[in-house]
Amino acid sequence: MASRLEAQIGWRIRKLRESKRLTLAELAARSGLSKALLSKIENGKVSSPVSTLLQIAESLKVRLSYLVDDNGGQPEMKCVLVRAGERLKLDRGTEDFGFCYEMLAHSKPDKKMEPAVLIVENRRKHAVTYTHPGEELIYVLEGRMEFTYGRKKFLMEAGDAVYFDGDLPHGGRNIADRPLKVLTVICNP
């Protein structure tokens, strides 16, 4: 069952899709996602990974923050301060994806970057991989991870960084017995 936040995200997606006069089938064709999945997302029936929300946002020609935050559609804001306790959290508990995604600039509309802190609690046998348009930076704040990019694998620990194009399958997995915390910045094209 999806959370209240995911129900709000689904509602925003539906309203935006309808305002652009798109059918579910048309959004499915644009995003590469199934019509059934989009319907479940719009109705708040499923939790979606950030990569899926990015695909939908890209297809609707809006930033991810527009879908996940009430302030996403606000007019120009030159500077936004997000205090530690004010981060918008997309929690994907251990039973689903096993991470928490804390957005660092969710209230800044029309931004070119999506900065976030990603916290991975559990160890995994394999990395969950994603693709998205644009570029990404990952900087390890705490812990150790195995990062996969295409067919390459890199071991990374606190202080290490990787910068890459998002169009190849990529992802990381926690390889330590304590939480992994990384700063990730996705730069939208």
N, C-alpha and C. Protein backbone atom coordinates (compact mmCIF):
# COMPACT_ATOMS: atom_id res chain seq x y z
N MET A 1 0.85 -1.19 0.00
CA MET A 1 0.00 0.00 0.00
C MET A 1 0.89 1.24 0.00
N ALA A 2 0.57 2.18 -0.81
CA ALA A 2 1.36 3.40 -0.93
C ALA A 2 1.06 4.35 0.23
N SER A 3 1.99 5.25 0.47
CA SER A 3 1.85 6.22 1.55
C SER A 3 1.00 7.42 1.11
N ARG A 4 0.73 8.30 2.06
CA ARG A 4 -0.01 9.53 1.77
C ARG A 4 0.73 10.36 0.73
N LEU A 5 2.06 10.44 0.85
CA LEU A 5 2.86 11.20 -0.11
C LEU A 5 2.69 10.62 -1.51
N GLU A 6 2.75 9.30 -1.63
CA GLU A 6 2.61 8.69 -2.95
C GLU A 6 1.22 8.91 -3.53
N ALA A 7 0.20 8.94 -2.67
CA ALA A 7 -1.15 9.25 -3.14
C ALA A 7 -1.20 10.68 -3.68
N GLN A 8 -0.51 11.61 -3.00
CA GLN A 8 -0.46 13.00 -3.47
C GLN A 8 0.30 13.09 -4.80
N ILE A 9 1.40 12.34 -4.90
CA ILE A 9 2.18 12.33 -6.14
C ILE A 9 1.30 11.82 -7.28
N GLY A 10 0.59 10.73 -7.03
CA GLY A 10 -0.30 10.17 -8.05
C GLY A 10 -1.37 11.16 -8.49
N TRP A 11 -1.94 11.88 -7.52
CA TRP A 11 -2.95 12.88 -7.83
C TRP A 11 -2.36 13.98 -8.71
N ARG A 12 -1.13 14.43 -8.36
CA ARG A 12 -0.48 15.49 -9.15
C ARG A 12 -0.20 15.01 -10.57
N ILE A 13 0.25 13.76 -10.70
CA ILE A 13 0.53 13.21 -12.03
C ILE A 13 -0.75 13.21 -12.86
N ARG A 14 -1.84 12.72 -12.27
CA ARG A 14 -3.11 12.67 -13.01
C ARG A 14 -3.56 14.07 -13.43
N LYS A 15 -3.52 15.03 -12.49
CA LYS A 15 -3.96 16.40 -12.80
C LYS A 15 -3.09 17.01 -13.91
N LEU A 16 -1.79 16.78 -13.83
CA LEU A 16 -0.89 17.32 -14.84
C LEU A 16 -1.14 16.66 -16.20
N ARG A 17 -1.29 15.33 -16.19
CA ARG A 17 -1.58 14.61 -17.43
C ARG A 17 -2.88 15.12 -18.05
N GLU A 18 -3.91 15.27 -17.23
CA GLU A 18 -5.19 15.76 -17.73
C GLU A 18 -5.10 17.20 -18.24
N SER A 19 -4.31 18.03 -17.55
CA SER A 19 -4.17 19.43 -17.99
C SER A 19 -3.46 19.51 -19.34
N LYS A 20 -2.64 18.50 -19.64
CA LYS A 20 -1.94 18.45 -20.93
C LYS A 20 -2.75 17.66 -21.96
N ARG A 21 -3.96 17.24 -21.55
CA ARG A 21 -4.89 16.51 -22.42
C ARG A 21 -4.27 15.23 -22.97
N LEU A 22 -3.57 14.52 -22.09
CA LEU A 22 -2.97 13.23 -22.46
C LEU A 22 -3.79 12.10 -21.87
N THR A 23 -3.94 11.03 -22.63
CA THR A 23 -4.56 9.83 -22.09
C THR A 23 -3.49 9.02 -21.37
N LEU A 24 -3.92 8.04 -20.59
CA LEU A 24 -2.95 7.14 -19.95
C LEU A 24 -2.11 6.44 -21.01
N ALA A 25 -2.75 6.03 -22.10
CA ALA A 25 -2.02 5.35 -23.18
C ALA A 25 -0.95 6.25 -23.78
N GLU A 26 -1.26 7.53 -23.95
CA GLU A 26 -0.28 8.47 -24.51
C GLU A 26 0.89 8.68 -23.55
N LEU A 27 0.59 8.81 -22.25
CA LEU A 27 1.67 8.97 -21.27
C LEU A 27 2.50 7.70 -21.20
N ALA A 28 1.86 6.54 -21.31
CA ALA A 28 2.59 5.27 -21.31
C ALA A 28 3.55 5.22 -22.49
N ALA A 29 3.09 5.63 -23.66
CA ALA A 29 3.95 5.63 -24.85
C ALA A 29 5.12 6.59 -24.69
N ARG A 30 4.87 7.76 -24.13
CA ARG A 30 5.94 8.75 -23.93
C ARG A 30 6.97 8.30 -22.90
N SER A 31 6.50 7.67 -21.83
CA SER A 31 7.37 7.34 -20.70
C SER A 31 8.02 5.97 -20.80
N GLY A 32 7.44 5.09 -21.62
CA GLY A 32 7.95 3.72 -21.68
C GLY A 32 7.45 2.85 -20.54
N LEU A 33 6.51 3.36 -19.76
CA LEU A 33 5.92 2.61 -18.66
C LEU A 33 4.57 2.06 -19.10
N SER A 34 4.13 1.00 -18.46
CA SER A 34 2.85 0.41 -18.85
C SER A 34 1.68 1.27 -18.38
N LYS A 35 0.60 1.18 -19.12
CA LYS A 35 -0.62 1.89 -18.78
C LYS A 35 -1.13 1.43 -17.41
N ALA A 36 -1.02 0.13 -17.14
CA ALA A 36 -1.47 -0.42 -15.85
C ALA A 36 -0.67 0.17 -14.69
N LEU A 37 0.66 0.25 -14.85
CA LEU A 37 1.49 0.81 -13.79
C LEU A 37 1.16 2.28 -13.57
N LEU A 38 1.02 3.04 -14.64
CA LEU A 38 0.69 4.46 -14.51
C LEU A 38 -0.64 4.65 -13.79
N SER A 39 -1.61 3.80 -14.09
CA SER A 39 -2.90 3.88 -13.42
C SER A 39 -2.75 3.63 -11.92
N LYS A 40 -1.96 2.63 -11.56
CA LYS A 40 -1.73 2.33 -10.14
C LYS A 40 -1.02 3.49 -9.44
N ILE A 41 -0.05 4.10 -10.13
CA ILE A 41 0.66 5.25 -9.55
C ILE A 41 -0.32 6.41 -9.34
N GLU A 42 -1.11 6.71 -10.37
CA GLU A 42 -2.06 7.83 -10.27
C GLU A 42 -3.09 7.61 -9.17
N ASN A 43 -3.42 6.36 -8.90
CA ASN A 43 -4.42 6.05 -7.87
C ASN A 43 -3.80 5.77 -6.51
N GLY A 44 -2.47 6.00 -6.38
CA GLY A 44 -1.80 5.83 -5.10
C GLY A 44 -1.77 4.39 -4.61
N LYS A 45 -1.75 3.44 -5.53
CA LYS A 45 -1.80 2.02 -5.16
C LYS A 45 -0.42 1.38 -5.04
N VAL A 46 0.62 2.03 -5.57
CA VAL A 46 1.97 1.45 -5.53
C VAL A 46 3.00 2.50 -5.14
N SER A 47 4.11 2.02 -4.59
CA SER A 47 5.28 2.87 -4.34
C SER A 47 6.16 2.80 -5.57
N SER A 48 6.62 3.93 -6.03
CA SER A 48 7.43 3.97 -7.24
C SER A 48 8.85 4.38 -6.93
N PRO A 49 9.85 3.73 -7.55
CA PRO A 49 11.22 4.19 -7.36
C PRO A 49 11.40 5.58 -7.99
N VAL A 50 12.40 6.27 -7.52
CA VAL A 50 12.67 7.62 -8.01
C VAL A 50 12.88 7.61 -9.52
N SER A 51 13.52 6.57 -10.05
CA SER A 51 13.77 6.50 -11.49
C SER A 51 12.46 6.49 -12.28
N THR A 52 11.44 5.82 -11.77
CA THR A 52 10.13 5.80 -12.44
C THR A 52 9.50 7.19 -12.40
N LEU A 53 9.57 7.84 -11.24
CA LEU A 53 9.03 9.20 -11.13
C LEU A 53 9.78 10.16 -12.05
N LEU A 54 11.09 9.96 -12.21
CA LEU A 54 11.87 10.79 -13.13
C LEU A 54 11.40 10.58 -14.57
N GLN A 55 11.12 9.33 -14.95
CA GLN A 55 10.62 9.04 -16.30
C GLN A 55 9.29 9.76 -16.55
N ILE A 56 8.41 9.71 -15.56
CA ILE A 56 7.11 10.37 -15.69
C ILE A 56 7.29 11.88 -15.79
N ALA A 57 8.12 12.44 -14.91
CA ALA A 57 8.36 13.89 -14.93
C ALA A 57 8.92 14.33 -16.27
N GLU A 58 9.89 13.57 -16.78
CA GLU A 58 10.50 13.89 -18.08
C GLU A 58 9.43 13.84 -19.18
N SER A 59 8.58 12.84 -19.14
CA SER A 59 7.53 12.69 -20.16
C SER A 59 6.51 13.82 -20.11
N LEU A 60 6.28 14.35 -18.91
CA LEU A 60 5.33 15.46 -18.74
C LEU A 60 6.02 16.82 -18.82
N LYS A 61 7.34 16.79 -19.03
CA LYS A 61 8.15 18.01 -19.18
C LYS A 61 8.11 18.90 -17.94
N VAL A 62 8.25 18.26 -16.77
CA VAL A 62 8.36 18.98 -15.50
C VAL A 62 9.52 18.38 -14.72
N ARG A 63 9.96 19.07 -13.70
CA ARG A 63 10.99 18.56 -12.81
C ARG A 63 10.37 17.59 -11.82
N LEU A 64 11.18 16.70 -11.29
CA LEU A 64 10.72 15.75 -10.28
C LEU A 64 10.07 16.48 -9.11
N SER A 65 10.66 17.60 -8.70
CA SER A 65 10.14 18.35 -7.56
C SER A 65 8.69 18.80 -7.78
N TYR A 66 8.30 19.02 -9.01
CA TYR A 66 6.92 19.42 -9.30
C TYR A 66 5.95 18.32 -8.89
N LEU A 67 6.37 17.07 -9.05
CA LEU A 67 5.50 15.94 -8.71
C LEU A 67 5.45 15.66 -7.22
N VAL A 68 6.55 15.91 -6.51
CA VAL A 68 6.64 15.46 -5.12
C VAL A 68 6.45 16.54 -4.07
N ASP A 69 6.42 17.81 -4.47
CA ASP A 69 6.34 18.87 -3.46
C ASP A 69 5.26 19.88 -3.80
N ASP A 70 4.55 20.33 -2.78
CA ASP A 70 3.50 21.33 -2.96
C ASP A 70 4.03 22.63 -3.56
N ASN A 71 5.30 22.95 -3.32
CA ASN A 71 5.87 24.20 -3.81
C ASN A 71 6.50 24.05 -5.19
N GLY A 72 6.45 22.85 -5.77
CA GLY A 72 7.13 22.57 -7.03
C GLY A 72 6.72 23.48 -8.17
N GLY A 73 5.51 24.00 -8.14
CA GLY A 73 5.05 24.84 -9.24
C GLY A 73 5.12 26.32 -8.95
N GLN A 74 5.77 26.71 -7.87
CA GLN A 74 5.83 28.12 -7.49
C GLN A 74 6.67 28.91 -8.49
N PRO A 75 6.43 30.22 -8.56
CA PRO A 75 7.23 31.06 -9.46
C PRO A 75 8.68 31.12 -9.01
N GLU A 76 9.48 31.80 -9.80
CA GLU A 76 10.93 31.86 -9.60
C GLU A 76 11.34 32.11 -8.15
N MET A 77 12.26 31.29 -7.70
CA MET A 77 12.88 31.44 -6.38
C MET A 77 14.38 31.30 -6.61
N LYS A 78 15.14 32.34 -6.34
CA LYS A 78 16.57 32.33 -6.61
C LYS A 78 17.36 31.50 -5.61
N CYS A 79 16.87 31.43 -4.35
CA CYS A 79 17.61 30.73 -3.30
C CYS A 79 16.63 29.99 -2.40
N VAL A 80 16.95 28.74 -2.11
CA VAL A 80 16.10 27.93 -1.24
C VAL A 80 16.96 27.29 -0.17
N LEU A 81 16.59 27.46 1.08
CA LEU A 81 17.27 26.81 2.19
C LEU A 81 16.39 25.67 2.68
N VAL A 82 16.94 24.47 2.74
CA VAL A 82 16.22 23.31 3.27
C VAL A 82 16.99 22.83 4.49
N ARG A 83 16.41 23.00 5.64
CA ARG A 83 17.05 22.57 6.89
C ARG A 83 16.97 21.05 7.01
N ALA A 84 17.87 20.49 7.82
CA ALA A 84 17.97 19.03 7.96
C ALA A 84 16.63 18.39 8.27
N GLY A 85 15.84 18.98 9.13
CA GLY A 85 14.55 18.40 9.50
C GLY A 85 13.43 18.67 8.50
N GLU A 86 13.72 19.43 7.44
CA GLU A 86 12.70 19.80 6.46
C GLU A 86 12.82 19.02 5.16
N ARG A 87 13.76 18.10 5.09
CA ARG A 87 13.94 17.35 3.84
C ARG A 87 12.69 16.53 3.53
N LEU A 88 12.34 16.51 2.27
CA LEU A 88 11.24 15.66 1.81
C LEU A 88 11.80 14.26 1.66
N LYS A 89 11.21 13.29 2.36
CA LYS A 89 11.74 11.92 2.36
C LYS A 89 10.84 10.99 1.58
N LEU A 90 11.44 10.31 0.62
CA LEU A 90 10.77 9.24 -0.10
C LEU A 90 11.34 7.95 0.46
N ASP A 91 10.64 7.36 1.40
CA ASP A 91 11.15 6.19 2.11
C ASP A 91 10.71 4.93 1.40
N ARG A 92 11.66 4.17 0.95
CA ARG A 92 11.41 2.89 0.29
C ARG A 92 11.94 1.80 1.21
N GLY A 93 11.14 1.42 2.19
CA GLY A 93 11.56 0.49 3.24
C GLY A 93 12.23 -0.76 2.73
N THR A 94 12.81 -1.51 3.64
CA THR A 94 13.60 -2.67 3.29
C THR A 94 12.81 -3.71 2.51
N GLU A 95 11.50 -3.76 2.66
CA GLU A 95 10.72 -4.75 1.93
C GLU A 95 10.56 -4.38 0.46
N ASP A 96 10.60 -3.10 0.13
CA ASP A 96 10.46 -2.68 -1.26
C ASP A 96 11.84 -2.54 -1.91
N PHE A 97 12.43 -1.38 -1.76
CA PHE A 97 13.69 -1.09 -2.41
C PHE A 97 14.84 -0.98 -1.41
N GLY A 98 14.52 -0.77 -0.13
CA GLY A 98 15.54 -0.75 0.90
C GLY A 98 16.33 0.54 1.01
N PHE A 99 15.71 1.69 0.71
CA PHE A 99 16.44 2.94 0.87
C PHE A 99 15.50 4.08 1.20
N CYS A 100 16.10 5.16 1.67
CA CYS A 100 15.39 6.41 1.92
C CYS A 100 16.07 7.48 1.08
N TYR A 101 15.28 8.23 0.33
CA TYR A 101 15.76 9.27 -0.56
C TYR A 101 15.33 10.60 0.03
N GLU A 102 16.28 11.41 0.53
CA GLU A 102 15.98 12.69 1.16
C GLU A 102 16.31 13.82 0.19
N MET A 103 15.29 14.48 -0.31
CA MET A 103 15.48 15.54 -1.30
C MET A 103 16.00 16.81 -0.63
N LEU A 104 17.05 17.39 -1.20
CA LEU A 104 17.73 18.54 -0.59
C LEU A 104 17.28 19.89 -1.13
N ALA A 105 16.56 19.90 -2.24
CA ALA A 105 16.13 21.18 -2.82
C ALA A 105 14.73 21.06 -3.41
N HIS A 106 13.89 20.30 -2.75
CA HIS A 106 12.56 20.00 -3.28
C HIS A 106 11.68 21.23 -3.49
N SER A 107 11.92 22.28 -2.75
CA SER A 107 11.05 23.46 -2.87
C SER A 107 11.54 24.46 -3.92
N LYS A 108 12.63 24.16 -4.61
CA LYS A 108 13.14 25.04 -5.66
C LYS A 108 12.57 24.59 -7.01
N PRO A 109 11.65 25.38 -7.59
CA PRO A 109 11.10 24.99 -8.89
C PRO A 109 12.09 25.25 -10.02
N ASP A 110 11.89 24.57 -11.10
CA ASP A 110 12.66 24.77 -12.33
C ASP A 110 14.17 24.69 -12.13
N LYS A 111 14.60 23.80 -11.27
CA LYS A 111 16.04 23.63 -11.06
C LYS A 111 16.61 22.71 -12.13
N LYS A 112 17.89 22.82 -12.33
CA LYS A 112 18.58 21.99 -13.31
C LYS A 112 19.19 20.74 -12.66
N MET A 113 19.26 20.73 -11.33
CA MET A 113 19.83 19.60 -10.61
C MET A 113 18.83 19.08 -9.59
N GLU A 114 18.91 17.79 -9.29
CA GLU A 114 18.08 17.16 -8.25
C GLU A 114 19.04 16.58 -7.20
N PRO A 115 19.44 17.37 -6.20
CA PRO A 115 20.34 16.85 -5.17
C PRO A 115 19.56 16.11 -4.08
N ALA A 116 20.15 15.03 -3.59
CA ALA A 116 19.49 14.25 -2.54
C ALA A 116 20.53 13.47 -1.75
N VAL A 117 20.14 13.09 -0.54
CA VAL A 117 20.93 12.15 0.26
C VAL A 117 20.19 10.83 0.18
N LEU A 118 20.91 9.80 -0.19
CA LEU A 118 20.36 8.45 -0.30
C LEU A 118 20.92 7.62 0.84
N ILE A 119 20.04 7.00 1.62
CA ILE A 119 20.47 6.16 2.75
C ILE A 119 20.00 4.74 2.47
N VAL A 120 20.95 3.82 2.39
CA VAL A 120 20.65 2.42 2.12
C VAL A 120 20.96 1.63 3.38
N GLU A 121 19.92 1.08 4.00
CA GLU A 121 20.08 0.37 5.27
C GLU A 121 20.61 -1.05 5.10
N ASN A 122 20.04 -1.78 4.17
CA ASN A 122 20.32 -3.21 4.10
C ASN A 122 21.37 -3.58 3.06
N ARG A 123 21.99 -4.71 3.31
CA ARG A 123 22.92 -5.26 2.33
C ARG A 123 22.11 -5.93 1.23
N ARG A 124 22.64 -5.93 0.03
CA ARG A 124 21.98 -6.58 -1.10
C ARG A 124 22.99 -7.47 -1.81
N LYS A 125 22.46 -8.51 -2.44
CA LYS A 125 23.33 -9.38 -3.24
C LYS A 125 23.64 -8.72 -4.58
N HIS A 126 22.67 -7.97 -5.11
CA HIS A 126 22.83 -7.33 -6.42
C HIS A 126 22.34 -5.89 -6.34
N ALA A 127 22.96 -5.04 -7.14
CA ALA A 127 22.53 -3.64 -7.20
C ALA A 127 21.20 -3.54 -7.94
N VAL A 128 20.34 -2.65 -7.49
CA VAL A 128 19.14 -2.29 -8.24
C VAL A 128 19.59 -1.20 -9.20
N THR A 129 19.38 -1.41 -10.51
CA THR A 129 19.90 -0.45 -11.48
C THR A 129 18.78 0.42 -12.07
N TYR A 130 19.19 1.60 -12.51
CA TYR A 130 18.28 2.59 -13.06
C TYR A 130 18.92 3.23 -14.29
N THR A 131 18.11 3.84 -15.11
CA THR A 131 18.59 4.72 -16.18
C THR A 131 17.72 5.98 -16.14
N HIS A 132 18.29 7.07 -16.59
CA HIS A 132 17.55 8.34 -16.65
C HIS A 132 18.30 9.28 -17.58
N PRO A 133 17.64 10.29 -18.10
CA PRO A 133 18.34 11.27 -18.92
C PRO A 133 19.26 12.13 -18.05
N GLY A 134 20.26 12.72 -18.66
CA GLY A 134 21.14 13.64 -17.94
C GLY A 134 22.34 12.96 -17.33
N GLU A 135 22.98 13.67 -16.42
CA GLU A 135 24.20 13.20 -15.76
C GLU A 135 23.94 13.09 -14.26
N GLU A 136 24.85 12.37 -13.58
CA GLU A 136 24.69 12.18 -12.14
C GLU A 136 26.05 12.15 -11.46
N LEU A 137 26.07 12.65 -10.25
CA LEU A 137 27.23 12.58 -9.37
C LEU A 137 26.81 11.82 -8.12
N ILE A 138 27.64 10.88 -7.70
CA ILE A 138 27.42 10.20 -6.42
C ILE A 138 28.69 10.37 -5.59
N TYR A 139 28.51 10.85 -4.36
CA TYR A 139 29.61 11.06 -3.42
C TYR A 139 29.28 10.28 -2.15
N VAL A 140 30.16 9.36 -1.76
CA VAL A 140 29.92 8.53 -0.58
C VAL A 140 30.24 9.33 0.68
N LEU A 141 29.23 9.52 1.52
CA LEU A 141 29.39 10.24 2.78
C LEU A 141 29.80 9.30 3.91
N GLU A 142 29.14 8.13 3.98
CA GLU A 142 29.41 7.14 5.03
C GLU A 142 29.21 5.75 4.45
N GLY A 143 30.03 4.80 4.90
CA GLY A 143 29.84 3.41 4.51
C GLY A 143 30.65 3.00 3.29
N ARG A 144 30.31 1.82 2.77
CA ARG A 144 30.99 1.27 1.59
C ARG A 144 29.94 0.75 0.62
N MET A 145 30.23 0.90 -0.66
CA MET A 145 29.28 0.42 -1.66
C MET A 145 29.99 -0.17 -2.86
N GLU A 146 29.27 -1.03 -3.55
CA GLU A 146 29.71 -1.49 -4.86
C GLU A 146 28.82 -0.76 -5.86
N PHE A 147 29.44 0.01 -6.75
CA PHE A 147 28.71 0.77 -7.75
C PHE A 147 28.84 0.08 -9.09
N THR A 148 27.72 -0.11 -9.77
CA THR A 148 27.69 -0.75 -11.08
C THR A 148 27.31 0.30 -12.12
N TYR A 149 28.10 0.35 -13.20
CA TYR A 149 27.80 1.24 -14.32
C TYR A 149 27.96 0.42 -15.59
N GLY A 150 26.85 0.13 -16.23
CA GLY A 150 26.92 -0.78 -17.38
C GLY A 150 27.43 -2.12 -16.89
N ARG A 151 28.55 -2.56 -17.42
CA ARG A 151 29.15 -3.84 -16.99
C ARG A 151 30.31 -3.65 -16.02
N LYS A 152 30.64 -2.40 -15.71
CA LYS A 152 31.76 -2.12 -14.80
C LYS A 152 31.27 -2.07 -13.36
N LYS A 153 32.15 -2.49 -12.45
CA LYS A 153 31.85 -2.43 -11.01
C LYS A 153 33.00 -1.72 -10.32
N PHE A 154 32.65 -0.84 -9.37
CA PHE A 154 33.63 -0.08 -8.61
C PHE A 154 33.32 -0.23 -7.13
N LEU A 155 34.34 -0.44 -6.31
CA LEU A 155 34.17 -0.41 -4.86
C LEU A 155 34.42 1.03 -4.42
N MET A 156 33.51 1.56 -3.62
CA MET A 156 33.61 2.95 -3.19
C MET A 156 33.42 3.03 -1.68
N GLU A 157 34.11 3.99 -1.06
CA GLU A 157 33.95 4.22 0.38
C GLU A 157 33.92 5.72 0.64
N ALA A 158 33.73 6.09 1.89
CA ALA A 158 33.59 7.49 2.26
C ALA A 158 34.67 8.35 1.61
N GLY A 159 34.25 9.43 0.96
CA GLY A 159 35.16 10.34 0.29
C GLY A 159 35.29 10.09 -1.20
N ASP A 160 34.87 8.92 -1.69
CA ASP A 160 34.95 8.60 -3.11
C ASP A 160 33.76 9.19 -3.85
N ALA A 161 33.98 9.53 -5.13
CA ALA A 161 32.92 10.10 -5.96
C ALA A 161 32.97 9.49 -7.35
N VAL A 162 31.82 9.44 -8.00
CA VAL A 162 31.74 8.99 -9.38
C VAL A 162 30.77 9.92 -10.11
N TYR A 163 31.13 10.29 -11.34
CA TYR A 163 30.31 11.18 -12.16
C TYR A 163 30.08 10.47 -13.49
N PHE A 164 28.83 10.42 -13.97
CA PHE A 164 28.54 9.58 -15.13
C PHE A 164 27.29 10.05 -15.87
N ASP A 165 27.15 9.57 -17.10
CA ASP A 165 25.93 9.79 -17.88
C ASP A 165 24.88 8.80 -17.38
N GLY A 166 23.64 9.25 -17.25
CA GLY A 166 22.59 8.42 -16.68
C GLY A 166 21.93 7.45 -17.65
N ASP A 167 22.35 7.46 -18.92
CA ASP A 167 21.65 6.63 -19.91
C ASP A 167 22.04 5.16 -19.88
N LEU A 168 23.11 4.79 -19.18
CA LEU A 168 23.46 3.38 -19.01
C LEU A 168 22.91 2.89 -17.68
N PRO A 169 22.53 1.61 -17.60
CA PRO A 169 22.06 1.09 -16.31
C PRO A 169 23.12 1.27 -15.23
N HIS A 170 22.71 1.83 -14.10
CA HIS A 170 23.65 2.08 -13.02
C HIS A 170 22.94 1.93 -11.68
N GLY A 171 23.71 1.66 -10.66
CA GLY A 171 23.15 1.53 -9.32
C GLY A 171 24.21 1.09 -8.35
N GLY A 172 23.86 1.11 -7.09
CA GLY A 172 24.82 0.72 -6.07
C GLY A 172 24.18 -0.20 -5.06
N ARG A 173 25.03 -0.86 -4.31
CA ARG A 173 24.53 -1.70 -3.23
C ARG A 173 25.43 -1.53 -2.02
N ASN A 174 24.83 -1.58 -0.87
CA ASN A 174 25.54 -1.46 0.40
C ASN A 174 26.29 -2.77 0.63
N ILE A 175 27.60 -2.68 0.88
CA ILE A 175 28.38 -3.90 1.13
C ILE A 175 28.93 -3.93 2.55
N ALA A 176 28.45 -3.03 3.39
CA ALA A 176 28.91 -2.98 4.79
C ALA A 176 27.78 -3.39 5.72
N ASP A 177 28.12 -3.59 6.98
CA ASP A 177 27.13 -3.97 7.99
C ASP A 177 26.50 -2.76 8.67
N ARG A 178 26.69 -1.60 8.11
CA ARG A 178 26.08 -0.38 8.64
C ARG A 178 25.48 0.39 7.47
N PRO A 179 24.63 1.37 7.75
CA PRO A 179 23.98 2.10 6.66
C PRO A 179 24.98 2.79 5.74
N LEU A 180 24.62 2.83 4.48
CA LEU A 180 25.38 3.55 3.45
C LEU A 180 24.67 4.88 3.24
N LYS A 181 25.44 5.97 3.25
CA LYS A 181 24.86 7.29 3.02
C LYS A 181 25.65 7.96 1.90
N VAL A 182 24.94 8.34 0.83
CA VAL A 182 25.60 9.00 -0.30
C VAL A 182 24.85 10.29 -0.67
N LEU A 183 25.60 11.23 -1.19
CA LEU A 183 25.03 12.43 -1.80
C LEU A 183 24.91 12.12 -3.28
N THR A 184 23.74 12.32 -3.84
CA THR A 184 23.56 12.12 -5.27
C THR A 184 22.99 13.40 -5.87
N VAL A 185 23.52 13.78 -7.02
CA VAL A 185 23.03 14.97 -7.72
C VAL A 185 22.77 14.56 -9.16
N ILE A 186 21.51 14.62 -9.56
CA ILE A 186 21.14 14.33 -10.94
C ILE A 186 20.97 15.66 -11.65
N CYS A 187 21.67 15.80 -12.77
CA CYS A 187 21.58 17.03 -13.57
C CYS A 187 20.68 16.74 -14.76
N ASN A 188 19.56 17.44 -14.81
CA ASN A 188 18.58 17.23 -15.88
C ASN A 188 19.07 17.88 -17.17
N PRO A 189 18.78 17.25 -18.31
CA PRO A 189 19.22 17.82 -19.59
C PRO A 189 18.46 19.09 -19.93
